[in-house]
């Protein structure tokens, strides 16, 4: 399996490139790279703390969000048209170079 690169852009404009195996989800890659994305539910789609904003150039390449993901996104702070949950974005080779913006804050409804 080949590696893919994801670029995480923080709210203050700092960029961090993380390389990891294709087939990984964005939340896992963020944690591998020391990116400050909480993922309170550990990727079980029971919170919105891994909310990321996908740059337009890549958004159309993603599979459509499920109804369950859309419901969780409704809880996210700073929701945008291209918002997704990091735990639901599987990074394959065609998404190499994916650029994601991390919102300034997240809402942890789980009380953790």
Foldseek 3Di string as FASTA:
>chain_A
DDKFWEWEAEPVGDIDIFIDDQQAFQVVRCVVRVHPQCCPVVLPLPAQSQKKAWPPVCQVVWDDDDPSQVVRLVQWPPDDPRIGRRSPTGGHPVCGHTYIYDDPGTDGPVPD
